[in-house]
Structures are given as C-alpha cells and as structure tokens.
C-alpha atoms as a PDB file:
ATOM      1  CA  MET A   1      92.793  90.999 112.657  1.00  0.00           C
ATOM      2  CA  VAL A   2      96.556  91.260 112.915  1.00  0.00           C
ATOM      3  CA  LEU A   3      98.256  90.430 116.200  1.00  0.00           C
ATOM      4  CA  LEU A   4     100.995  92.852 117.206  1.00  0.00           C
ATOM      5  CA  ASN A   5     103.598  92.518 119.938  1.00  0.00           C
ATOM      6  CA  GLY A   6     104.656  95.304 122.236  1.00  0.00           C
ATOM      7  CA  LYS A   7     105.608  96.461 125.689  1.00  0.00           C
ATOM      8  CA  VAL A   8     103.443  98.322 128.187  1.00  0.00           C
ATOM      9  CA  LYS A   9     105.134 101.720 128.419  1.00  0.00           C
ATOM     10  CA  PHE A  10     102.738 103.185 131.002  1.00  0.00           C
ATOM     11  CA  PHE A  11      99.654 101.893 132.785  1.00  0.00           C
ATOM     12  CA  ASN A  12      97.665 103.567 135.540  1.00  0.00           C
ATOM     13  CA  SER A  13      95.554 100.815 137.120  1.00  0.00           C
ATOM     14  CA  THR A  14      93.661 103.334 139.255  1.00  0.00           C
ATOM     15  CA  LYS A  15      92.427 105.283 136.237  1.00  0.00           C
ATOM     16  CA  GLY A  16      92.319 102.200 133.989  1.00  0.00           C
ATOM     17  CA  PHE A  17      94.344 103.322 130.997  1.00  0.00           C
ATOM     18  CA  GLY A  18      97.848 103.455 129.587  1.00  0.00           C
ATOM     19  CA  PHE A  19      99.996 103.115 126.482  1.00  0.00           C
ATOM     20  CA  ILE A  20     101.604 100.209 124.666  1.00  0.00           C
ATOM     21  CA  LYS A  21     104.650 100.657 122.433  1.00  0.00           C
ATOM     22  CA  ASP A  22     104.654  98.439 119.342  1.00  0.00           C
ATOM     23  CA  ASN A  23     107.895  96.428 119.016  1.00  0.00           C
ATOM     24  CA  GLU A  24     108.082  96.742 115.213  1.00  0.00           C
ATOM     25  CA  SER A  25     106.977 100.292 114.437  1.00  0.00           C
ATOM     26  CA  ALA A  26     107.791 101.887 117.839  1.00  0.00           C
ATOM     27  CA  LYS A  27     104.389 103.606 117.645  1.00  0.00           C
ATOM     28  CA  GLU A  28     102.464 104.040 120.882  1.00  0.00           C
ATOM     29  CA  TYR A  29      98.829 103.049 121.228  1.00  0.00           C
ATOM     30  CA  PHE A  30      96.268 103.943 123.864  1.00  0.00           C
ATOM     31  CA  VAL A  31      94.899 101.047 125.909  1.00  0.00           C
ATOM     32  CA  HIS A  32      91.876 101.081 128.229  1.00  0.00           C
ATOM     33  CA  ILE A  33      91.357  98.468 130.930  1.00  0.00           C
ATOM     34  CA  THR A  34      88.195  97.291 129.117  1.00  0.00           C
ATOM     35  CA  GLY A  35      90.423  96.241 126.184  1.00  0.00           C
ATOM     36  CA  CYS A  36      92.604  93.984 128.345  1.00  0.00           C
ATOM     37  CA  ALA A  37      92.072  90.225 128.529  1.00  0.00           C
ATOM     38  CA  ASP A  38      94.785  89.965 131.235  1.00  0.00           C
ATOM     39  CA  LYS A  39      95.854  92.245 134.059  1.00  0.00           C
ATOM     40  CA  ILE A  40      98.774  94.296 132.738  1.00  0.00           C
ATOM     41  CA  ASN A  41     101.489  96.379 134.369  1.00  0.00           C
ATOM     42  CA  GLU A  42     104.261  98.634 133.117  1.00  0.00           C
ATOM     43  CA  ASP A  43     107.079  96.785 131.292  1.00  0.00           C
ATOM     44  CA  ASP A  44     104.907  93.712 130.568  1.00  0.00           C
ATOM     45  CA  GLU A  45     105.362  92.108 127.141  1.00  0.00           C
ATOM     46  CA  VAL A  46     101.965  91.836 125.462  1.00  0.00           C
ATOM     47  CA  GLU A  47     100.225  90.956 122.221  1.00  0.00           C
ATOM     48  CA  PHE A  48      97.309  93.020 121.013  1.00  0.00           C
ATOM     49  CA  GLU A  49      95.054  94.022 118.144  1.00  0.00           C
ATOM     50  CA  LEU A  50      94.168  97.531 116.991  1.00  0.00           C
ATOM     51  CA  LYS A  51      90.741  99.111 116.641  1.00  0.00           C
ATOM     52  CA  GLU A  52      89.869 102.612 115.496  1.00  0.00           C
ATOM     53  CA  GLY A  53      88.692 104.720 118.435  1.00  0.00           C
ATOM     54  CA  LEU A  54      87.481 108.281 118.838  1.00  0.00           C
ATOM     55  CA  LYS A  55      91.014 109.698 118.955  1.00  0.00           C
ATOM     56  CA  GLY A  56      92.926 107.207 116.814  1.00  0.00           C
ATOM     57  CA  LEU A  57      93.924 103.568 117.077  1.00  0.00           C
ATOM     58  CA  ASN A  58      93.410 101.771 120.390  1.00  0.00           C
ATOM     59  CA  ALA A  59      94.948  98.512 121.572  1.00  0.00           C
ATOM     60  CA  ILE A  60      92.326  95.835 122.265  1.00  0.00           C
ATOM     61  CA  ASN A  61      92.358  92.141 123.245  1.00  0.00           C
ATOM     62  CA  VAL A  62      95.594  92.819 125.150  1.00  0.00           C
ATOM     63  CA  LYS A  63      97.147  89.613 126.513  1.00  0.00           C
ATOM     64  CA  LEU A  64     100.379  88.848 128.336  1.00  0.00           C
ATOM     65  CA  VAL A  65     102.961  86.961 126.272  1.00  0.00           C
END
C-alpha cells in the first residue's frame, strides 16, 4: 500500500471520526478511530493508507509523523 501524508482537518474524539486532508492532492478522506494507530487531534501531521469503504476511500493505519 502507498503511504500518504496529510493533516487532520477535523476530529471529534467523542464520536470517534474525522477527516484528513492529503498534502499532495488536497483531497479529504474520512477517518474512524478504529483506523488510527496513534491518538490524533485536529492539526496533527499524519501518515496514512487508503482503503475502500462503504462511502468511498477511508484513511487507515493513521500514525503521527
């Protein structure tokens, strides 16, 4: 799988989901807390992989950089 770099645009830790903006394409991807290897917060720089989900691509294996 390809590792991408991005920034956490929004993350609601109470509900366990958010969005990551890819640094290269500026696309935004959904992230669920179950796809996070590290605890993330808004504005964190992260690396992640993409996996097809029910409603499009989801960020998985999300780690702090």
